[in-house]
């Protein structure tokens, strides 16, 4: 438990001191369509930076699996948290929700359930279900069923990994949980 708490503080530190750079923007432009990029650019800088880091980790992991589509992996990394555009969170608000989710899961789930119908708690609902929300947004853009399926299931707390899940999902979950 202590190691996960330290990890969460490292995530917060990274969010505070990292910057989404012009190089990061070019990276995203190289993999996303114009419509996807329009959604991506609605994310706050710390979420965009996180997505770029996850995508780069996925590309690095892909060296072990030459049969995988590298472009798909990068796109999954960039788009995995696209559902968070509806949250409109600051870094502090996000950190608060993550800590509640980590330290007090029953409270987080209760607040998320309330948020389905109560605007004050909507951020909790959106945070918990950002994978499904992102999949829905991407479906409206005509995204492939492979991308939609993986994005909707990428959060292991919301949807545990199954034996039949694709390797791309496993790589995404690992990259997403180790930055």
C-alpha atoms as a PDB file:
ATOM      1  CA  UNK A   1       0.000   0.000   0.000  1.00  0.00           C
ATOM      2  CA  UNK A   2       2.818   2.408   0.826  1.00  0.00           C
ATOM      3  CA  UNK A   3       4.403   1.820  -2.579  1.00  0.00           C
ATOM      4  CA  UNK A   4       1.100   2.711  -4.322  1.00  0.00           C
ATOM      5  CA  UNK A   5       0.779   5.850  -2.186  1.00  0.00           C
ATOM      6  CA  UNK A   6       4.314   6.893  -3.126  1.00  0.00           C
ATOM      7  CA  UNK A   7       3.472   6.189  -6.753  1.00  0.00           C
ATOM      8  CA  UNK A   8       0.416   8.480  -6.531  1.00  0.00           C
ATOM      9  CA  UNK A   9       2.547  11.287  -5.105  1.00  0.00           C
ATOM     10  CA  UNK A  10       5.053  10.764  -7.915  1.00  0.00           C
ATOM     11  CA  UNK A  11       2.181  11.057 -10.397  1.00  0.00           C
ATOM     12  CA  UNK A  12       1.115  14.327  -8.807  1.00  0.00           C
ATOM     13  CA  UNK A  13       4.699  15.631  -8.895  1.00  0.00           C
ATOM     14  CA  UNK A  14       4.929  14.683 -12.571  1.00  0.00           C
ATOM     15  CA  UNK A  15       1.650  16.467 -13.269  1.00  0.00           C
ATOM     16  CA  UNK A  16       2.804  19.640 -11.545  1.00  0.00           C
ATOM     17  CA  UNK A  17       6.244  19.846 -13.129  1.00  0.00           C
ATOM     18  CA  UNK A  18       5.763  18.286 -16.546  1.00  0.00           C
ATOM     19  CA  UNK A  19       4.968  20.384 -19.568  1.00  0.00           C
ATOM     20  CA  UNK A  20       3.176  19.528 -22.755  1.00  0.00           C
ATOM     21  CA  UNK A  21       5.735  20.697 -25.294  1.00  0.00           C
ATOM     22  CA  UNK A  22       5.731  21.494 -29.003  1.00  0.00           C
ATOM     23  CA  UNK A  23       7.471  18.138 -29.546  1.00  0.00           C
ATOM     24  CA  UNK A  24       4.611  16.416 -27.728  1.00  0.00           C
ATOM     25  CA  UNK A  25       2.091  18.249 -29.921  1.00  0.00           C
ATOM     26  CA  UNK A  26       3.886  17.089 -33.076  1.00  0.00           C
ATOM     27  CA  UNK A  27       3.895  13.531 -31.735  1.00  0.00           C
ATOM     28  CA  UNK A  28       0.112  13.681 -31.246  1.00  0.00           C
ATOM     29  CA  UNK A  29      -0.408  15.263 -34.680  1.00  0.00           C
ATOM     30  CA  UNK A  30       1.529  12.414 -36.297  1.00  0.00           C
ATOM     31  CA  UNK A  31      -0.899   9.788 -34.981  1.00  0.00           C
ATOM     32  CA  UNK A  32      -4.313  11.422 -34.608  1.00  0.00           C
ATOM     33  CA  UNK A  33      -6.834  12.507 -37.210  1.00  0.00           C
ATOM     34  CA  UNK A  34      -7.961  16.127 -37.266  1.00  0.00           C
ATOM     35  CA  UNK A  35     -11.171  15.273 -35.388  1.00  0.00           C
ATOM     36  CA  UNK A  36      -9.344  13.149 -32.809  1.00  0.00           C
ATOM     37  CA  UNK A  37      -6.804  15.921 -32.335  1.00  0.00           C
ATOM     38  CA  UNK A  38      -9.634  18.407 -31.753  1.00  0.00           C
ATOM     39  CA  UNK A  39     -10.877  16.194 -28.893  1.00  0.00           C
ATOM     40  CA  UNK A  40      -7.355  15.565 -27.604  1.00  0.00           C
ATOM     41  CA  UNK A  41      -6.626  19.292 -27.448  1.00  0.00           C
ATOM     42  CA  UNK A  42      -9.588  19.762 -25.091  1.00  0.00           C
ATOM     43  CA  UNK A  43      -7.695  17.837 -22.410  1.00  0.00           C
ATOM     44  CA  UNK A  44      -5.746  19.874 -19.841  1.00  0.00           C
ATOM     45  CA  UNK A  45      -1.982  19.999 -20.380  1.00  0.00           C
ATOM     46  CA  UNK A  46      -1.252  17.393 -17.669  1.00  0.00           C
ATOM     47  CA  UNK A  47      -3.638  14.861 -19.262  1.00  0.00           C
ATOM     48  CA  UNK A  48      -2.157  15.469 -22.719  1.00  0.00           C
ATOM     49  CA  UNK A  49       1.368  14.996 -21.349  1.00  0.00           C
ATOM     50  CA  UNK A  50       0.266  11.805 -19.588  1.00  0.00           C
ATOM     51  CA  UNK A  51      -1.255  10.495 -22.836  1.00  0.00           C
ATOM     52  CA  UNK A  52       1.956  11.187 -24.772  1.00  0.00           C
ATOM     53  CA  UNK A  53       4.033   9.426 -22.105  1.00  0.00           C
ATOM     54  CA  UNK A  54       1.688   6.407 -22.168  1.00  0.00           C
ATOM     55  CA  UNK A  55       1.788   6.277 -25.993  1.00  0.00           C
ATOM     56  CA  UNK A  56       5.587   6.422 -25.985  1.00  0.00           C
ATOM     57  CA  UNK A  57       5.784   3.664 -23.387  1.00  0.00           C
ATOM     58  CA  UNK A  58       3.475   1.551 -25.518  1.00  0.00           C
ATOM     59  CA  UNK A  59       5.673   2.079 -28.566  1.00  0.00           C
ATOM     60  CA  UNK A  60       8.704   1.118 -26.497  1.00  0.00           C
ATOM     61  CA  UNK A  61       6.964  -2.055 -25.282  1.00  0.00           C
ATOM     62  CA  UNK A  62       6.010  -2.879 -28.875  1.00  0.00           C
ATOM     63  CA  UNK A  63       9.600  -3.843 -29.643  1.00  0.00           C
ATOM     64  CA  UNK A  64       8.849  -7.107 -27.857  1.00  0.00           C
ATOM     65  CA  UNK A  65       5.880  -7.724 -30.164  1.00  0.00           C
ATOM     66  CA  UNK A  66       6.839  -7.012 -33.793  1.00  0.00           C
ATOM     67  CA  UNK A  67       3.476  -8.329 -35.012  1.00  0.00           C
ATOM     68  CA  UNK A  68       1.566  -5.475 -33.358  1.00  0.00           C
ATOM     69  CA  UNK A  69       0.469  -2.366 -35.226  1.00  0.00           C
ATOM     70  CA  UNK A  70       2.657   0.432 -33.810  1.00  0.00           C
ATOM     71  CA  UNK A  71       0.372   3.174 -35.104  1.00  0.00           C
ATOM     72  CA  UNK A  72      -2.595   1.587 -33.322  1.00  0.00           C
ATOM     73  CA  UNK A  73      -0.614   1.373 -30.079  1.00  0.00           C
ATOM     74  CA  UNK A  74       0.362   5.046 -30.234  1.00  0.00           C
ATOM     75  CA  UNK A  75      -3.219   6.071 -30.980  1.00  0.00           C
ATOM     76  CA  UNK A  76      -4.535   3.998 -28.072  1.00  0.00           C
ATOM     77  CA  UNK A  77      -2.041   5.635 -25.727  1.00  0.00           C
ATOM     78  CA  UNK A  78      -2.992   9.101 -26.922  1.00  0.00           C
ATOM     79  CA  UNK A  79      -6.746   8.504 -26.809  1.00  0.00           C
ATOM     80  CA  UNK A  80      -7.139   6.311 -23.735  1.00  0.00           C
ATOM     81  CA  UNK A  81      -8.210   9.165 -21.425  1.00  0.00           C
ATOM     82  CA  UNK A  82     -10.142  11.195 -24.001  1.00  0.00           C
ATOM     83  CA  UNK A  83     -13.317  10.745 -21.940  1.00  0.00           C
ATOM     84  CA  UNK A  84     -11.795  13.050 -19.321  1.00  0.00           C
ATOM     85  CA  UNK A  85     -12.564  16.063 -21.504  1.00  0.00           C
ATOM     86  CA  UNK A  86     -16.003  16.152 -19.868  1.00  0.00           C
ATOM     87  CA  UNK A  87     -14.497  16.454 -16.359  1.00  0.00           C
ATOM     88  CA  UNK A  88     -12.876  19.890 -16.768  1.00  0.00           C
ATOM     89  CA  UNK A  89     -10.640  19.155 -13.779  1.00  0.00           C
ATOM     90  CA  UNK A  90      -7.694  21.105 -12.499  1.00  0.00           C
ATOM     91  CA  UNK A  91      -4.658  19.140 -11.406  1.00  0.00           C
ATOM     92  CA  UNK A  92      -5.647  19.590  -7.748  1.00  0.00           C
ATOM     93  CA  UNK A  93      -9.219  18.408  -8.343  1.00  0.00           C
ATOM     94  CA  UNK A  94      -7.958  15.364 -10.206  1.00  0.00           C
ATOM     95  CA  UNK A  95      -5.416  14.599  -7.456  1.00  0.00           C
ATOM     96  CA  UNK A  96      -8.179  14.855  -4.850  1.00  0.00           C
ATOM     97  CA  UNK A  97     -10.403  12.414  -6.754  1.00  0.00           C
ATOM     98  CA  UNK A  98      -7.539   9.973  -7.383  1.00  0.00           C
ATOM     99  CA  UNK A  99      -6.637   9.938  -3.695  1.00  0.00           C
ATOM    100  CA  UNK A 100     -10.251   9.331  -2.675  1.00  0.00           C
ATOM    101  CA  UNK A 101     -10.455   6.542  -5.267  1.00  0.00           C
ATOM    102  CA  UNK A 102      -7.223   5.041  -3.949  1.00  0.00           C
ATOM    103  CA  UNK A 103      -7.710   5.486  -0.191  1.00  0.00           C
ATOM    104  CA  UNK A 104     -11.499   5.293   0.131  1.00  0.00           C
ATOM    105  CA  UNK A 105     -12.894   3.277  -2.788  1.00  0.00           C
ATOM    106  CA  UNK A 106     -16.387   2.833  -1.284  1.00  0.00           C
ATOM    107  CA  UNK A 107     -16.709   6.613  -0.848  1.00  0.00           C
ATOM    108  CA  UNK A 108     -15.437   7.234  -4.376  1.00  0.00           C
ATOM    109  CA  UNK A 109     -17.919   4.736  -5.817  1.00  0.00           C
ATOM    110  CA  UNK A 110     -20.743   6.282  -3.800  1.00  0.00           C
ATOM    111  CA  UNK A 111     -19.886   9.784  -5.047  1.00  0.00           C
ATOM    112  CA  UNK A 112     -19.535   8.476  -8.613  1.00  0.00           C
ATOM    113  CA  UNK A 113     -22.958   6.843  -8.396  1.00  0.00           C
ATOM    114  CA  UNK A 114     -24.419  10.111  -7.087  1.00  0.00           C
ATOM    115  CA  UNK A 115     -22.773  11.937  -9.974  1.00  0.00           C
ATOM    116  CA  UNK A 116     -24.827  10.116 -12.557  1.00  0.00           C
ATOM    117  CA  UNK A 117     -27.797  12.331 -11.663  1.00  0.00           C
ATOM    118  CA  UNK A 118     -26.314  15.091  -9.508  1.00  0.00           C
ATOM    119  CA  UNK A 119     -24.279  17.839 -11.199  1.00  0.00           C
ATOM    120  CA  UNK A 120     -22.176  18.561  -8.092  1.00  0.00           C
ATOM    121  CA  UNK A 121     -20.721  15.013  -8.166  1.00  0.00           C
ATOM    122  CA  UNK A 122     -20.630  14.659 -11.961  1.00  0.00           C
ATOM    123  CA  UNK A 123     -16.801  14.805 -11.951  1.00  0.00           C
ATOM    124  CA  UNK A 124     -16.656  11.610  -9.907  1.00  0.00           C
ATOM    125  CA  UNK A 125     -19.020   9.846 -12.276  1.00  0.00           C
ATOM    126  CA  UNK A 126     -17.058  11.064 -15.315  1.00  0.00           C
ATOM    127  CA  UNK A 127     -13.738  10.084 -13.767  1.00  0.00           C
ATOM    128  CA  UNK A 128     -14.935   6.576 -12.933  1.00  0.00           C
ATOM    129  CA  UNK A 129     -16.511   6.042 -16.358  1.00  0.00           C
ATOM    130  CA  UNK A 130     -14.086   8.027 -18.543  1.00  0.00           C
ATOM    131  CA  UNK A 131     -13.259   4.924 -20.586  1.00  0.00           C
ATOM    132  CA  UNK A 132     -16.879   4.386 -21.614  1.00  0.00           C
ATOM    133  CA  UNK A 133     -17.369   8.126 -22.157  1.00  0.00           C
ATOM    134  CA  UNK A 134     -14.261   8.279 -24.345  1.00  0.00           C
ATOM    135  CA  UNK A 135     -15.380   5.236 -26.325  1.00  0.00           C
ATOM    136  CA  UNK A 136     -18.730   6.922 -26.959  1.00  0.00           C
ATOM    137  CA  UNK A 137     -17.043  10.143 -28.122  1.00  0.00           C
ATOM    138  CA  UNK A 138     -14.770   8.191 -30.460  1.00  0.00           C
ATOM    139  CA  UNK A 139     -17.672   6.125 -31.766  1.00  0.00           C
ATOM    140  CA  UNK A 140     -19.368   9.382 -32.838  1.00  0.00           C
ATOM    141  CA  UNK A 141     -16.236  10.165 -34.866  1.00  0.00           C
ATOM    142  CA  UNK A 142     -16.493   6.803 -36.636  1.00  0.00           C
ATOM    143  CA  UNK A 143     -13.552   5.208 -34.839  1.00  0.00           C
ATOM    144  CA  UNK A 144     -12.874   1.503 -35.330  1.00  0.00           C
ATOM    145  CA  UNK A 145     -14.500  -1.045 -33.043  1.00  0.00           C
ATOM    146  CA  UNK A 146     -11.051  -2.241 -31.915  1.00  0.00           C
ATOM    147  CA  UNK A 147     -10.095   1.195 -30.605  1.00  0.00           C
ATOM    148  CA  UNK A 148     -13.524   1.743 -29.047  1.00  0.00           C
ATOM    149  CA  UNK A 149     -13.429  -1.616 -27.269  1.00  0.00           C
ATOM    150  CA  UNK A 150      -9.934  -1.103 -25.851  1.00  0.00           C
ATOM    151  CA  UNK A 151     -10.564   2.489 -24.761  1.00  0.00           C
ATOM    152  CA  UNK A 152     -13.782   1.488 -23.014  1.00  0.00           C
ATOM    153  CA  UNK A 153     -12.007  -1.257 -21.037  1.00  0.00           C
ATOM    154  CA  UNK A 154      -8.638   0.363 -20.316  1.00  0.00           C
ATOM    155  CA  UNK A 155      -9.256   1.208 -16.638  1.00  0.00           C
ATOM    156  CA  UNK A 156      -8.647  -2.001 -14.651  1.00  0.00           C
ATOM    157  CA  UNK A 157     -10.537  -0.612 -11.639  1.00  0.00           C
ATOM    158  CA  UNK A 158     -13.637  -0.130 -13.776  1.00  0.00           C
ATOM    159  CA  UNK A 159     -13.212  -3.212 -15.960  1.00  0.00           C
ATOM    160  CA  UNK A 160     -10.829  -5.985 -14.838  1.00  0.00           C
ATOM    161  CA  UNK A 161      -8.612  -7.568 -17.463  1.00  0.00           C
ATOM    162  CA  UNK A 162     -10.000 -10.776 -18.931  1.00  0.00           C
ATOM    163  CA  UNK A 163      -8.178 -13.758 -20.382  1.00  0.00           C
ATOM    164  CA  UNK A 164      -9.491 -13.045 -23.888  1.00  0.00           C
ATOM    165  CA  UNK A 165      -8.613  -9.346 -23.907  1.00  0.00           C
ATOM    166  CA  UNK A 166      -6.255  -8.249 -26.677  1.00  0.00           C
ATOM    167  CA  UNK A 167      -2.536  -7.778 -26.075  1.00  0.00           C
ATOM    168  CA  UNK A 168      -2.894  -4.083 -26.945  1.00  0.00           C
ATOM    169  CA  UNK A 169      -5.183  -3.625 -23.923  1.00  0.00           C
ATOM    170  CA  UNK A 170      -2.688  -5.349 -21.642  1.00  0.00           C
ATOM    171  CA  UNK A 171       0.120  -3.130 -22.931  1.00  0.00           C
ATOM    172  CA  UNK A 172      -2.053  -0.039 -22.461  1.00  0.00           C
ATOM    173  CA  UNK A 173      -2.942  -0.957 -18.887  1.00  0.00           C
ATOM    174  CA  UNK A 174       0.703  -1.549 -18.022  1.00  0.00           C
ATOM    175  CA  UNK A 175       1.862   1.703 -19.635  1.00  0.00           C
ATOM    176  CA  UNK A 176      -0.958   3.624 -17.976  1.00  0.00           C
ATOM    177  CA  UNK A 177      -0.148   2.296 -14.507  1.00  0.00           C
ATOM    178  CA  UNK A 178       3.604   2.851 -14.495  1.00  0.00           C
ATOM    179  CA  UNK A 179       4.255   6.494 -15.177  1.00  0.00           C
END
